C-alpha cells in the first residue's frame, strides 16, 4: 500500500486517528486537561496512534504539514475546550 502524499488527506487521517483516541478514552482526555498531564496520561495511546499515522503518511508530507500536531490541537484540545483547566 502506498503512503499518503496529499497534505489534506494526511490531516484528515490524523484527525480521524485522534478522534478514535478521544472516543475510546474520553475520561482520560478530560482528566489530562484538568490536571495538565494530557500527553503523559495518554502516552501509550498517543504513541500507538502516531505510529499508525506515520506508517500511512509519506514522512516528507507529515513533516512539512505538521498534520499530527495540528490534529492534536484540533481534536484533543479544541474539542475539550469546555473542560475546566488552569491553562485557559
N, C-alpha and C. Protein backbone atom coordinates (compact mmCIF):
# COMPACT_ATOMS: atom_id res chain seq x y z
N UNK A 1 0.84 -1.17 0.00
CA UNK A 1 0.00 0.00 0.00
C UNK A 1 0.90 1.25 0.00
N UNK A 2 0.59 2.18 -0.88
CA UNK A 2 1.40 3.40 -0.94
C UNK A 2 1.00 4.36 0.18
N UNK A 3 1.94 5.17 0.57
CA UNK A 3 1.71 6.13 1.64
C UNK A 3 0.97 7.36 1.13
N UNK A 4 0.25 7.99 2.01
CA UNK A 4 -0.50 9.20 1.66
C UNK A 4 0.47 10.33 1.37
N UNK A 5 0.30 10.96 0.21
CA UNK A 5 1.17 12.07 -0.18
C UNK A 5 0.42 13.39 -0.25
N UNK A 6 -0.89 13.34 -0.15
CA UNK A 6 -1.70 14.55 -0.20
C UNK A 6 -1.82 15.16 1.20
N UNK A 7 -1.43 16.41 1.38
CA UNK A 7 -1.46 17.04 2.71
C UNK A 7 -2.84 17.04 3.36
N UNK A 8 -3.89 17.27 2.60
CA UNK A 8 -5.24 17.30 3.17
C UNK A 8 -5.66 15.91 3.64
N UNK A 9 -5.30 14.89 2.89
CA UNK A 9 -5.62 13.52 3.31
C UNK A 9 -4.84 13.15 4.56
N UNK A 10 -3.60 13.62 4.65
CA UNK A 10 -2.79 13.35 5.84
C UNK A 10 -3.43 13.99 7.07
N UNK A 11 -3.89 15.22 6.93
CA UNK A 11 -4.54 15.90 8.05
C UNK A 11 -5.85 15.20 8.43
N UNK A 12 -6.61 14.77 7.45
CA UNK A 12 -7.85 14.04 7.74
C UNK A 12 -7.56 12.74 8.49
N UNK A 13 -6.51 12.03 8.06
CA UNK A 13 -6.16 10.79 8.75
C UNK A 13 -5.75 11.08 10.19
N UNK A 14 -4.93 12.09 10.40
CA UNK A 14 -4.50 12.43 11.76
C UNK A 14 -5.71 12.76 12.62
N UNK A 15 -6.64 13.54 12.10
CA UNK A 15 -7.84 13.89 12.86
C UNK A 15 -8.69 12.65 13.16
N UNK A 16 -8.81 11.77 12.19
CA UNK A 16 -9.60 10.55 12.40
C UNK A 16 -8.98 9.66 13.47
N UNK A 17 -7.67 9.49 13.40
CA UNK A 17 -6.98 8.64 14.37
C UNK A 17 -7.11 9.24 15.77
N UNK A 18 -6.94 10.54 15.89
CA UNK A 18 -7.06 11.17 17.20
C UNK A 18 -8.51 11.23 17.68
N UNK A 19 -9.45 11.28 16.77
CA UNK A 19 -10.85 11.20 17.16
C UNK A 19 -11.14 9.84 17.79
N UNK A 20 -10.52 8.79 17.27
CA UNK A 20 -10.67 7.47 17.87
C UNK A 20 -10.09 7.44 19.28
N UNK A 21 -8.93 8.04 19.46
CA UNK A 21 -8.34 8.10 20.80
C UNK A 21 -9.30 8.81 21.75
N UNK A 22 -9.85 9.91 21.30
CA UNK A 22 -10.77 10.68 22.14
C UNK A 22 -12.05 9.89 22.41
N UNK A 23 -12.55 9.18 21.43
CA UNK A 23 -13.78 8.40 21.60
C UNK A 23 -13.60 7.24 22.57
N UNK A 24 -12.44 6.60 22.52
CA UNK A 24 -12.21 5.45 23.38
C UNK A 24 -11.71 5.82 24.78
N UNK A 25 -11.21 7.06 24.94
CA UNK A 25 -10.64 7.47 26.23
C UNK A 25 -11.11 8.87 26.64
N UNK A 26 -12.41 9.12 26.62
CA UNK A 26 -12.88 10.48 26.92
C UNK A 26 -12.57 10.93 28.35
N UNK A 27 -12.65 10.01 29.28
CA UNK A 27 -12.39 10.36 30.68
C UNK A 27 -10.90 10.70 30.88
N UNK A 28 -10.02 9.95 30.24
CA UNK A 28 -8.59 10.22 30.35
C UNK A 28 -8.25 11.57 29.72
N UNK A 29 -8.92 11.91 28.62
CA UNK A 29 -8.71 13.21 27.98
C UNK A 29 -9.15 14.32 28.93
N UNK A 30 -10.33 14.17 29.50
CA UNK A 30 -10.84 15.18 30.43
C UNK A 30 -9.91 15.34 31.63
N UNK A 31 -9.54 14.23 32.24
CA UNK A 31 -8.66 14.28 33.40
C UNK A 31 -7.29 14.86 33.04
N UNK A 32 -6.79 14.51 31.87
CA UNK A 32 -5.49 15.01 31.43
C UNK A 32 -5.48 16.52 31.23
N UNK A 33 -6.57 17.05 30.71
CA UNK A 33 -6.67 18.50 30.53
C UNK A 33 -6.81 19.19 31.88
N UNK A 34 -7.64 18.63 32.73
CA UNK A 34 -7.81 19.22 34.06
C UNK A 34 -6.51 19.24 34.85
N UNK A 35 -5.76 18.17 34.77
CA UNK A 35 -4.53 18.04 35.54
C UNK A 35 -3.29 18.52 34.80
N UNK A 36 -3.46 18.97 33.55
CA UNK A 36 -2.35 19.41 32.71
C UNK A 36 -1.29 18.31 32.53
N UNK A 37 -1.77 17.08 32.34
CA UNK A 37 -0.86 15.98 32.05
C UNK A 37 -1.41 15.09 30.93
N UNK A 38 -2.09 15.73 29.99
CA UNK A 38 -2.76 15.01 28.91
C UNK A 38 -1.83 14.07 28.17
N UNK A 39 -0.67 14.57 27.77
CA UNK A 39 0.23 13.77 26.94
C UNK A 39 0.89 12.65 27.74
N UNK A 40 1.16 12.88 28.99
CA UNK A 40 1.71 11.83 29.84
C UNK A 40 0.64 10.77 30.12
N UNK A 41 -0.57 11.22 30.40
CA UNK A 41 -1.67 10.32 30.74
C UNK A 41 -2.02 9.41 29.55
N UNK A 42 -1.95 9.93 28.35
CA UNK A 42 -2.30 9.16 27.14
C UNK A 42 -1.06 8.75 26.33
N UNK A 43 0.07 8.66 26.98
CA UNK A 43 1.32 8.38 26.27
C UNK A 43 1.25 7.10 25.44
N UNK A 44 0.76 6.03 26.02
CA UNK A 44 0.70 4.75 25.30
C UNK A 44 -0.23 4.86 24.10
N UNK A 45 -1.41 5.41 24.32
CA UNK A 45 -2.40 5.52 23.25
C UNK A 45 -1.92 6.44 22.14
N UNK A 46 -1.32 7.56 22.51
CA UNK A 46 -0.85 8.52 21.51
C UNK A 46 0.35 7.99 20.74
N UNK A 47 1.20 7.24 21.41
CA UNK A 47 2.35 6.63 20.72
C UNK A 47 1.87 5.62 19.68
N UNK A 48 0.91 4.81 20.06
CA UNK A 48 0.36 3.82 19.13
C UNK A 48 -0.35 4.52 17.96
N UNK A 49 -1.13 5.55 18.27
CA UNK A 49 -1.85 6.28 17.23
C UNK A 49 -0.89 6.97 16.27
N UNK A 50 0.14 7.58 16.82
CA UNK A 50 1.11 8.27 15.95
C UNK A 50 1.87 7.27 15.09
N UNK A 51 2.19 6.13 15.64
CA UNK A 51 2.86 5.09 14.85
C UNK A 51 2.02 4.67 13.66
N UNK A 52 0.73 4.51 13.88
CA UNK A 52 -0.16 4.16 12.77
C UNK A 52 -0.17 5.28 11.74
N UNK A 53 -0.33 6.53 12.20
CA UNK A 53 -0.34 7.68 11.30
C UNK A 53 0.95 7.71 10.46
N UNK A 54 2.08 7.57 11.13
CA UNK A 54 3.37 7.64 10.43
C UNK A 54 3.56 6.48 9.46
N UNK A 55 2.94 5.36 9.73
CA UNK A 55 3.07 4.22 8.82
C UNK A 55 2.26 4.42 7.54
N UNK A 56 1.30 5.33 7.57
CA UNK A 56 0.41 5.54 6.43
C UNK A 56 0.72 6.79 5.62
N UNK A 57 1.51 7.72 6.20
CA UNK A 57 1.74 9.02 5.55
C UNK A 57 3.20 9.15 5.15
N UNK A 58 3.41 9.71 3.96
CA UNK A 58 4.76 9.99 3.48
C UNK A 58 5.46 10.89 4.52
N UNK A 59 6.66 10.52 4.97
CA UNK A 59 7.34 11.30 6.01
C UNK A 59 7.54 12.77 5.65
N UNK A 60 7.83 13.05 4.39
CA UNK A 60 8.03 14.45 3.97
C UNK A 60 6.75 15.26 4.11
N UNK A 61 5.63 14.64 3.79
CA UNK A 61 4.33 15.32 3.91
C UNK A 61 4.00 15.54 5.38
N UNK A 62 4.23 14.53 6.19
CA UNK A 62 3.95 14.65 7.63
C UNK A 62 4.77 15.78 8.24
N UNK A 63 6.04 15.86 7.87
CA UNK A 63 6.91 16.89 8.44
C UNK A 63 6.54 18.28 7.92
N UNK A 64 6.31 18.38 6.62
CA UNK A 64 6.02 19.68 6.01
C UNK A 64 4.72 20.28 6.52
N UNK A 65 3.71 19.44 6.72
CA UNK A 65 2.38 19.95 7.09
C UNK A 65 2.15 20.01 8.59
N UNK A 66 2.96 19.29 9.37
CA UNK A 66 2.73 19.17 10.81
C UNK A 66 1.30 18.70 11.09
N UNK A 67 0.81 17.80 10.26
CA UNK A 67 -0.57 17.33 10.36
C UNK A 67 -0.86 16.73 11.73
N UNK A 68 0.08 15.99 12.28
CA UNK A 68 -0.15 15.35 13.57
C UNK A 68 -0.31 16.42 14.67
N UNK A 69 0.58 17.38 14.71
CA UNK A 69 0.50 18.43 15.72
C UNK A 69 -0.76 19.26 15.59
N UNK A 70 -1.12 19.59 14.38
CA UNK A 70 -2.35 20.36 14.14
C UNK A 70 -3.57 19.58 14.60
N UNK A 71 -3.59 18.29 14.30
CA UNK A 71 -4.73 17.46 14.69
C UNK A 71 -4.80 17.30 16.20
N UNK A 72 -3.66 17.22 16.87
CA UNK A 72 -3.67 17.15 18.34
C UNK A 72 -4.42 18.34 18.92
N UNK A 73 -4.11 19.51 18.42
CA UNK A 73 -4.77 20.73 18.91
C UNK A 73 -6.24 20.73 18.51
N UNK A 74 -6.52 20.46 17.24
CA UNK A 74 -7.90 20.49 16.75
C UNK A 74 -8.81 19.49 17.44
N UNK A 75 -8.32 18.29 17.66
CA UNK A 75 -9.17 17.21 18.16
C UNK A 75 -9.13 17.12 19.68
N UNK A 76 -7.97 16.93 20.26
CA UNK A 76 -7.92 16.71 21.70
C UNK A 76 -8.10 17.98 22.51
N UNK A 77 -7.50 19.06 22.08
CA UNK A 77 -7.54 20.28 22.88
C UNK A 77 -8.79 21.11 22.56
N UNK A 78 -8.98 21.49 21.31
CA UNK A 78 -10.10 22.37 20.96
C UNK A 78 -11.45 21.73 21.28
N UNK A 79 -11.59 20.47 20.97
CA UNK A 79 -12.87 19.80 21.26
C UNK A 79 -13.12 19.65 22.76
N UNK A 80 -12.08 19.82 23.55
CA UNK A 80 -12.23 19.72 25.01
C UNK A 80 -12.20 21.09 25.68
N UNK A 81 -12.46 22.13 24.93
CA UNK A 81 -12.36 23.48 25.46
C UNK A 81 -13.35 23.75 26.59
N UNK A 82 -14.39 22.94 26.71
CA UNK A 82 -15.36 23.09 27.78
C UNK A 82 -14.85 22.57 29.12
N UNK A 83 -13.77 21.80 29.10
CA UNK A 83 -13.21 21.22 30.32
C UNK A 83 -12.48 22.30 31.09
N UNK A 84 -12.75 22.38 32.39
CA UNK A 84 -12.08 23.37 33.23
C UNK A 84 -10.59 23.04 33.31
N UNK A 85 -9.78 24.06 33.12
CA UNK A 85 -8.33 23.90 33.19
C UNK A 85 -7.71 25.21 33.61
N UNK A 86 -6.64 25.14 34.35
CA UNK A 86 -5.95 26.38 34.71
C UNK A 86 -5.19 26.96 33.52
N UNK A 87 -5.15 26.21 32.42
CA UNK A 87 -4.46 26.70 31.22
C UNK A 87 -5.30 27.73 30.47
N UNK A 88 -6.63 27.64 30.61
CA UNK A 88 -7.49 28.60 29.94
C UNK A 88 -8.60 29.03 30.79
